[in-house]
Amino acid sequence: MRVMIVEDEKPILDLMARLVGQHPSLTIVGTFTSSAAALAAYEEIKPDAAFLDVEMPRMGGIELADKLKAIDERVQIVFTTAYPQYAVEAFRVSAVDYLLKPVTPDAIERVVSRLSKNHALHSMPPPHAAATEEPTVRCLGTFETRLSDGSLMSWPTRKTEELFAYLLVYPNRIAGKWHLADLLWPDLDESRALHNVHNTVYRLKKALREAGIAVELTHSGEGYDLRKPPIFTDLELFRDFMKGAASIDEEKAVEGTKLLISSRGALFAGKDYAWSAGLEAEIFQQQASLASKLSDYYRRSGDETAAKEMLRAYLSYAPLDEKMNAELLRLYSKSGELGLFRSHYDKYAGLLSEELGLAPSDQIREMMKELSIN
């Protein structure tokens, strides 16, 4: 993990740099004796975590943390101080830990364990990362098929790709040829539409065979049947998980977190398949349910940083969800993260006005009003 250290006393800064630099999991990307200098350099060095002295002139560590969080919500904060009375205030800005001076190697080891856990949560590999356990096809937030070398599948026609998409979301069952004709070519007469079905099925089978994609597309009676191996699409992984996600325990939280972060959004995002609208709404509802359950689990476990991360992950592709925005703002308010509350409120209100011509709900506006009064 990349870390920065901010400490106004140079001897203590040098000591912290030695302690932090000795740990194999940490790489120091910047040391600063002033908050202003650290803030100015932040965008360039982009640390994963920041060790901040609480008591510094002009801009203390807690104020600096609030500004850093407004720039990057994911940065992890560790405070250092000789005065334990700052602990409550420090944790109001979602500090990962609080180290009393003089800082020891054991204290660094303890905090690295917590940092590493959060870093793993924030640093999931991209959905197309090559791995044998990764699905071949991504349907959530995109629609892409990867070959064994990691390159993208190239389709002969857009309808060939769309036919593949339809067969994937309704696998292992017969798709009637007349149904496919009406679904994919609703504006053509029956004979031309059926002719297109036959040609597109041929192109699809040829493209899959040449690409070495391990699926079987067969003609059966009046339709076509697609058979695929397990763990072929991220959609089926998500669906299978949600079947057993009535309650979330520690094991399910780990798996669910990976699925939520890697899903990246709507079913077949960017493809605009008319027939998938109902299924897209169903998946969105399930994604919201998962984000809410995971957030509740982490909050009950005392990890509000992870709870907020689950809400942010979902809102990154469903930014107008009123219930989830309200919950995230409530958590920001509860933890005293005023900068994050205001920046998120402004972003949400602006998007709501621009997209729908609406204002935030009475509940959300009341939270903003209370924050302004206090």
Protein backbone atom coordinates (compact mmCIF):
# COMPACT_ATOMS: atom_id res chain seq x y z
CA MET A 1 0.00 0.00 0.00
CA ARG A 2 1.13 3.52 -0.82
CA VAL A 3 1.20 5.78 2.24
CA MET A 4 1.89 9.42 3.08
CA ILE A 5 3.00 10.74 6.48
CA VAL A 6 2.20 14.24 7.79
CA GLU A 7 3.90 15.35 11.02
CA ASP A 8 4.98 18.90 11.80
CA GLU A 9 7.92 17.91 14.04
CA LYS A 10 10.80 16.77 11.82
CA PRO A 11 12.42 14.31 14.30
CA ILE A 12 9.07 12.55 14.84
CA LEU A 13 8.43 12.57 11.09
CA ASP A 14 11.80 10.86 10.51
CA LEU A 15 11.00 8.26 13.19
CA MET A 16 7.59 7.56 11.67
CA ALA A 17 9.16 7.23 8.23
CA ARG A 18 11.60 4.62 9.56
CA LEU A 19 8.88 2.62 11.32
CA VAL A 20 6.46 2.72 8.40
CA GLY A 21 9.19 2.16 5.80
CA GLN A 22 10.35 -1.03 7.53
CA HIS A 23 7.01 -2.75 7.03
CA PRO A 24 6.97 -4.91 3.86
CA SER A 25 3.32 -4.07 3.08
CA LEU A 26 3.86 -0.29 3.03
CA THR A 27 5.58 2.03 0.56
CA ILE A 28 6.07 5.66 1.52
CA VAL A 29 5.20 8.01 -1.35
CA GLY A 30 5.44 11.29 0.54
CA THR A 31 6.44 12.81 3.91
CA PHE A 32 5.35 16.33 4.87
CA THR A 33 5.79 18.71 7.78
CA SER A 34 2.73 20.79 6.86
CA SER A 35 -0.86 19.92 6.04
CA ALA A 36 -0.95 22.46 3.21
CA ALA A 37 2.00 20.82 1.45
CA ALA A 38 0.45 17.38 1.87
CA LEU A 39 -2.87 18.58 0.49
CA ALA A 40 -1.17 20.19 -2.52
CA ALA A 41 0.74 17.01 -3.36
CA TYR A 42 -2.12 14.60 -2.75
CA GLU A 43 -3.49 14.38 -6.30
CA GLU A 44 -0.02 13.61 -7.67
CA ILE A 45 1.06 10.93 -5.20
CA LYS A 46 -2.39 9.32 -4.70
CA PRO A 47 -1.70 7.34 -1.50
CA ASP A 48 -3.90 4.49 -0.29
CA ALA A 49 -3.46 5.58 3.34
CA ALA A 50 -2.34 8.67 5.27
CA PHE A 51 -0.70 8.80 8.72
CA LEU A 52 -1.66 12.22 10.11
CA ASP A 53 -0.57 14.00 13.28
CA VAL A 54 -3.66 15.41 14.97
CA GLU A 55 -1.99 18.51 16.48
CA MET A 56 -0.46 20.67 13.75
CA PRO A 57 -0.45 24.47 13.30
CA ARG A 58 -2.84 26.23 10.88
CA MET A 59 -4.48 22.98 9.72
CA GLY A 60 -4.69 20.05 12.11
CA GLY A 61 -4.85 16.42 11.13
CA ILE A 62 -8.59 16.07 11.58
CA GLU A 63 -9.30 19.02 9.29
CA LEU A 64 -6.78 17.68 6.78
CA ALA A 65 -8.42 14.25 6.89
CA ASP A 66 -11.79 15.81 6.12
CA LYS A 67 -10.31 17.57 3.07
CA LEU A 68 -8.53 14.42 1.85
CA LYS A 69 -11.74 12.41 2.18
CA ALA A 70 -13.57 15.03 0.13
CA ILE A 71 -11.02 14.47 -2.65
CA ASP A 72 -10.89 10.69 -2.37
CA GLU A 73 -13.44 8.86 -0.25
CA ARG A 74 -11.36 5.69 -0.26
CA VAL A 75 -8.20 7.05 1.35
CA GLN A 76 -7.60 5.41 4.72
CA ILE A 77 -6.73 7.66 7.65
CA VAL A 78 -4.54 6.77 10.64
CA PHE A 79 -4.10 9.47 13.29
CA THR A 80 -1.09 9.86 15.56
CA THR A 81 -1.08 11.99 18.72
CA ALA A 82 0.18 12.22 22.28
CA TYR A 83 -3.29 13.16 23.56
CA PRO A 84 -5.92 10.39 23.80
CA GLN A 85 -8.77 12.89 24.26
CA TYR A 86 -8.80 13.38 20.48
CA ALA A 87 -9.85 9.77 19.88
CA VAL A 88 -13.60 10.36 19.70
CA GLU A 89 -13.28 13.31 17.33
CA ALA A 90 -10.77 11.41 15.19
CA PHE A 91 -13.09 8.48 14.66
CA ARG A 92 -15.85 10.85 13.56
CA VAL A 93 -13.97 11.14 10.26
CA SER A 94 -13.83 7.35 9.90
CA ALA A 95 -10.22 6.86 10.96
CA VAL A 96 -8.99 3.32 10.48
CA ASP A 97 -6.95 3.56 13.67
CA TYR A 98 -5.58 5.93 16.29
CA LEU A 99 -1.95 5.61 17.42
CA LEU A 100 -0.65 7.15 20.63
CA LYS A 101 2.87 8.51 20.59
CA PRO A 102 5.50 7.25 20.88
CA VAL A 103 4.49 4.94 18.05
CA THR A 104 5.98 1.43 18.22
CA PRO A 105 6.58 -1.32 15.63
CA ASP A 106 3.83 -3.38 17.29
CA ALA A 107 1.39 -0.51 16.82
CA ILE A 108 2.34 -0.25 13.15
CA GLU A 109 1.81 -4.00 12.74
CA ARG A 110 -1.65 -3.73 14.27
CA VAL A 111 -2.73 -0.88 12.05
CA VAL A 112 -1.34 -2.52 8.89
CA SER A 113 -3.64 -5.49 9.50
CA ARG A 114 -6.67 -3.20 9.41
CA LEU A 115 -5.36 -1.21 6.47
CA SER A 116 -4.74 -4.39 4.48
CA LYS A 117 -8.26 -5.64 5.07
CA ASN A 118 -9.77 -2.41 3.78
CA HIS A 119 -7.27 -2.15 0.93
CA ALA A 120 -8.24 -5.62 -0.30
CA LEU A 121 -11.88 -4.52 -0.29
CA HIS A 122 -11.11 -1.39 -2.32
CA SER A 123 -8.66 -3.00 -4.73
CA MET A 124 -10.61 -5.78 -6.37
CA PRO A 125 -9.08 -6.82 -9.71
CA PRO A 126 -10.80 -5.49 -12.82
CA PRO A 127 -13.60 -7.71 -14.09
CA HIS A 128 -11.61 -8.84 -17.14
CA ALA A 129 -8.53 -9.88 -15.19
CA ALA A 130 -7.27 -13.17 -16.55
CA ALA A 131 -7.90 -16.00 -14.08
CA THR A 132 -9.23 -19.49 -14.50
CA GLU A 133 -12.02 -18.86 -11.97
CA GLU A 134 -13.19 -15.70 -13.73
CA PRO A 135 -16.27 -15.97 -15.93
CA THR A 136 -15.75 -15.86 -19.68
CA VAL A 137 -18.63 -13.44 -20.22
CA ARG A 138 -19.43 -10.21 -18.38
CA CYS A 139 -23.06 -9.12 -18.50
CA LEU A 140 -23.26 -6.66 -15.59
CA GLY A 141 -22.20 -3.11 -16.34
CA THR A 142 -21.11 -4.17 -19.81
CA PHE A 143 -21.42 -7.02 -22.28
CA GLU A 144 -18.13 -8.53 -23.25
CA THR A 145 -16.79 -11.99 -24.00
CA ARG A 146 -13.13 -12.68 -23.35
CA LEU A 147 -11.01 -15.24 -25.18
CA SER A 148 -8.45 -17.44 -23.44
CA ASP A 149 -5.71 -14.86 -24.05
CA GLY A 150 -7.79 -12.10 -22.42
CA SER A 151 -8.66 -10.34 -25.68
CA LEU A 152 -12.21 -9.31 -26.54
CA MET A 153 -14.40 -11.46 -28.73
CA SER A 154 -15.16 -9.89 -32.10
CA TRP A 155 -18.69 -10.53 -33.40
CA PRO A 156 -19.58 -10.74 -37.11
CA THR A 157 -22.80 -8.71 -36.62
CA ARG A 158 -24.57 -6.88 -33.80
CA LYS A 159 -27.52 -9.30 -34.03
CA THR A 160 -25.16 -12.24 -33.56
CA GLU A 161 -23.99 -10.73 -30.29
CA GLU A 162 -27.56 -9.92 -29.24
CA LEU A 163 -28.71 -13.48 -29.93
CA PHE A 164 -25.85 -14.75 -27.77
CA ALA A 165 -26.91 -12.36 -24.99
CA TYR A 166 -30.49 -13.62 -25.05
CA LEU A 167 -29.45 -17.29 -24.99
CA LEU A 168 -27.08 -16.60 -22.08
CA VAL A 169 -29.72 -15.11 -19.79
CA TYR A 170 -32.12 -17.97 -20.53
CA PRO A 171 -29.71 -20.94 -20.75
CA ASN A 172 -30.40 -24.66 -20.83
CA ARG A 173 -33.87 -24.28 -22.26
CA ILE A 174 -35.34 -24.21 -25.74
CA ALA A 175 -35.57 -20.77 -27.39
CA GLY A 176 -38.27 -21.07 -30.08
CA LYS A 177 -37.27 -19.92 -33.55
CA TRP A 178 -40.49 -17.94 -34.03
CA HIS A 179 -40.01 -16.30 -30.65
CA LEU A 180 -36.44 -15.31 -31.62
CA ALA A 181 -37.69 -13.96 -34.94
CA ASP A 182 -40.27 -11.75 -33.25
CA LEU A 183 -37.85 -10.71 -30.51
CA LEU A 184 -34.91 -9.69 -32.68
CA TRP A 185 -36.65 -8.59 -35.91
CA PRO A 186 -40.11 -7.37 -34.87
CA ASP A 187 -40.42 -5.05 -37.87
CA LEU A 188 -39.79 -7.69 -40.56
CA ASP A 189 -42.32 -10.05 -42.09
CA GLU A 190 -42.28 -13.61 -40.73
CA SER A 191 -40.37 -15.26 -43.59
CA ARG A 192 -37.56 -12.68 -43.62
CA ALA A 193 -37.31 -12.67 -39.85
CA LEU A 194 -37.09 -16.47 -39.71
CA HIS A 195 -34.45 -16.43 -42.45
CA ASN A 196 -32.44 -14.00 -40.33
CA VAL A 197 -32.73 -16.31 -37.32
CA HIS A 198 -31.24 -19.23 -39.27
CA ASN A 199 -28.41 -17.12 -40.65
CA THR A 200 -27.60 -15.54 -37.29
CA VAL A 201 -27.58 -18.91 -35.50
CA TYR A 202 -25.13 -20.16 -38.14
CA ARG A 203 -22.89 -17.10 -37.63
CA LEU A 204 -23.05 -17.51 -33.86
CA LYS A 205 -22.07 -21.17 -33.94
CA LYS A 206 -19.22 -20.44 -36.34
CA ALA A 207 -17.93 -17.49 -34.27
CA LEU A 208 -18.01 -19.50 -31.03
CA ARG A 209 -16.28 -22.48 -32.62
CA GLU A 210 -13.51 -20.36 -34.15
CA ALA A 211 -12.99 -18.53 -30.86
CA GLY A 212 -12.73 -21.75 -28.88
CA ILE A 213 -15.63 -20.76 -26.58
CA ALA A 214 -16.78 -23.86 -24.69
CA VAL A 215 -20.53 -23.75 -25.31
CA GLU A 216 -22.81 -25.97 -27.34
CA LEU A 217 -25.63 -24.53 -29.45
CA THR A 218 -27.93 -27.18 -30.87
CA HIS A 219 -31.14 -27.24 -32.90
CA SER A 220 -33.93 -29.00 -31.07
CA GLY A 221 -37.41 -29.31 -32.53
CA GLU A 222 -38.73 -25.82 -33.11
CA GLY A 223 -35.91 -23.91 -31.44
CA TYR A 224 -32.34 -23.72 -30.18
CA ASP A 225 -30.68 -24.81 -26.97
CA LEU A 226 -27.49 -23.26 -25.51
CA ARG A 227 -25.47 -25.42 -23.10
CA LYS A 228 -22.61 -23.82 -21.23
CA PRO A 229 -20.13 -24.78 -18.49
CA PRO A 230 -20.42 -23.54 -14.88
CA ILE A 231 -19.00 -20.11 -13.95
CA PHE A 232 -19.45 -18.94 -17.54
CA THR A 233 -21.04 -15.54 -16.85
CA ASP A 234 -20.95 -13.07 -13.97
CA LEU A 235 -24.74 -12.93 -14.21
CA GLU A 236 -25.16 -16.57 -13.22
CA LEU A 237 -22.66 -16.13 -10.36
CA PHE A 238 -24.72 -13.19 -9.11
CA ARG A 239 -28.04 -15.02 -9.50
CA ASP A 240 -26.74 -18.13 -7.72
CA PHE A 241 -25.40 -16.05 -4.83
CA MET A 242 -28.64 -14.13 -4.41
CA LYS A 243 -30.63 -17.37 -4.11
CA GLY A 244 -28.85 -18.07 -0.83
CA ALA A 245 -28.42 -14.50 0.40
CA ALA A 246 -31.46 -14.21 2.65
CA SER A 247 -29.01 -13.44 5.46
CA ILE A 248 -25.36 -12.36 5.39
CA ASP A 249 -22.64 -13.92 7.54
CA GLU A 250 -18.89 -13.32 7.39
CA GLU A 251 -18.30 -15.80 4.55
CA LYS A 252 -21.19 -14.49 2.48
CA ALA A 253 -20.07 -10.91 3.13
CA VAL A 254 -16.70 -11.58 1.49
CA GLU A 255 -18.26 -13.23 -1.57
CA GLY A 256 -21.06 -10.69 -1.82
CA THR A 257 -18.64 -7.77 -1.60
CA LYS A 258 -16.62 -9.14 -4.51
CA LEU A 259 -19.75 -9.61 -6.60
CA LEU A 260 -21.13 -6.16 -5.84
CA ILE A 261 -17.89 -4.32 -6.57
CA SER A 262 -17.14 -6.27 -9.74
CA SER A 263 -20.67 -6.10 -11.18
CA ARG A 264 -20.24 -2.45 -12.27
CA GLY A 265 -23.87 -1.78 -13.10
CA ALA A 266 -26.85 -2.56 -15.28
CA LEU A 267 -27.42 -5.72 -17.26
CA PHE A 268 -25.88 -5.35 -20.74
CA ALA A 269 -25.10 -1.69 -20.03
CA GLY A 270 -24.70 0.28 -23.24
CA LYS A 271 -26.38 -2.29 -25.48
CA ASP A 272 -30.02 -1.14 -25.21
CA TYR A 273 -31.66 -4.51 -25.90
CA ALA A 274 -35.41 -3.85 -25.73
CA TRP A 275 -36.22 -7.38 -24.56
CA SER A 276 -33.88 -7.11 -21.50
CA ALA A 277 -35.59 -4.13 -19.80
CA GLY A 278 -37.64 -6.22 -17.37
CA LEU A 279 -34.70 -8.42 -16.44
CA GLU A 280 -32.49 -5.34 -16.03
CA ALA A 281 -34.93 -3.89 -13.50
CA GLU A 282 -34.99 -7.20 -11.62
CA ILE A 283 -31.18 -7.31 -11.42
CA PHE A 284 -31.02 -3.69 -10.29
CA GLN A 285 -33.44 -4.50 -7.47
CA GLN A 286 -31.28 -7.44 -6.41
CA GLN A 287 -28.11 -5.33 -6.53
CA ALA A 288 -29.74 -2.73 -4.29
CA SER A 289 -30.85 -5.46 -1.90
CA LEU A 290 -27.32 -6.88 -1.76
CA ALA A 291 -25.74 -3.47 -1.16
CA SER A 292 -28.22 -2.79 1.65
CA LYS A 293 -27.64 -6.18 3.30
CA LEU A 294 -23.86 -5.86 3.09
CA SER A 295 -23.96 -2.32 4.45
CA ASP A 296 -26.13 -3.47 7.36
CA TYR A 297 -23.78 -6.40 8.04
CA TYR A 298 -20.64 -4.24 8.12
CA ARG A 299 -22.35 -1.60 10.23
CA ARG A 300 -23.42 -4.21 12.80
CA SER A 301 -19.87 -5.56 12.76
CA GLY A 302 -18.53 -2.13 13.66
CA ASP A 303 -16.93 -1.46 10.26
CA GLU A 304 -18.73 1.66 9.06
CA THR A 305 -16.01 2.34 6.47
CA ALA A 306 -16.93 -0.89 4.67
CA ALA A 307 -20.64 -0.15 5.18
CA LYS A 308 -20.28 3.15 3.33
CA GLU A 309 -18.13 1.52 0.66
CA MET A 310 -20.96 -0.90 -0.17
CA LEU A 311 -23.40 1.97 -0.61
CA ARG A 312 -20.91 3.92 -2.75
CA ALA A 313 -20.26 0.85 -4.92
CA TYR A 314 -23.96 0.52 -5.71
CA LEU A 315 -24.53 4.26 -6.16
CA SER A 316 -21.66 4.43 -8.65
CA TYR A 317 -24.03 2.85 -11.18
CA ALA A 318 -27.40 3.74 -9.65
CA PRO A 319 -26.74 7.34 -8.56
CA LEU A 320 -30.41 8.36 -8.32
CA ASP A 321 -31.52 5.67 -5.86
CA GLU A 322 -33.20 7.78 -3.17
CA LYS A 323 -33.17 5.19 -0.38
CA MET A 324 -29.48 4.35 -0.78
CA ASN A 325 -28.43 8.00 -1.06
CA ALA A 326 -30.35 8.74 2.12
CA GLU A 327 -28.63 5.87 3.94
CA LEU A 328 -25.15 6.96 2.84
CA LEU A 329 -25.85 10.56 3.88
CA ARG A 330 -27.15 9.33 7.22
CA LEU A 331 -23.88 7.44 7.83
CA TYR A 332 -21.82 10.49 6.83
CA SER A 333 -23.85 12.60 9.26
CA LYS A 334 -23.56 10.06 12.06
CA SER A 335 -19.77 9.87 11.74
CA GLY A 336 -19.40 13.65 11.50
CA GLU A 337 -17.94 13.61 7.98
CA LEU A 338 -19.35 17.00 7.12
CA GLY A 339 -17.26 17.56 4.00
CA LEU A 340 -18.29 14.22 2.52
CA PHE A 341 -21.93 14.82 3.47
CA ARG A 342 -22.04 18.20 1.72
CA SER A 343 -20.14 17.08 -1.39
CA HIS A 344 -22.32 13.98 -1.80
CA TYR A 345 -25.53 15.93 -1.16
CA ASP A 346 -24.57 18.57 -3.74
CA LYS A 347 -23.67 15.91 -6.29
CA TYR A 348 -26.91 13.99 -5.74
CA ALA A 349 -29.10 17.09 -5.74
CA GLY A 350 -27.48 18.39 -8.92
CA LEU A 351 -27.89 15.09 -10.73
CA LEU A 352 -31.49 14.73 -9.57
CA SER A 353 -32.30 18.22 -10.87
CA GLU A 354 -30.48 17.72 -14.16
CA GLU A 355 -31.85 14.25 -14.94
CA LEU A 356 -35.39 14.39 -13.52
CA GLY A 357 -36.04 18.05 -12.68
CA LEU A 358 -36.63 17.09 -9.05
CA ALA A 359 -35.30 18.11 -5.64
CA PRO A 360 -34.12 15.68 -2.95
CA SER A 361 -36.81 14.19 -0.73
CA ASP A 362 -38.02 15.94 2.43
CA GLN A 363 -36.08 13.42 4.52
CA ILE A 364 -32.78 14.17 2.79
CA ARG A 365 -33.32 17.93 2.78
CA GLU A 366 -34.11 17.78 6.49
CA MET A 367 -30.76 16.07 7.12
CA MET A 368 -29.02 18.86 5.23
CA LYS A 369 -30.94 21.47 7.19
CA GLU A 370 -29.98 19.91 10.53
CA LEU A 371 -26.36 19.73 9.46
CA SER A 372 -26.36 23.41 8.52
CA ILE A 373 -27.92 24.40 11.86
CA ASN A 374 -25.40 22.39 13.85
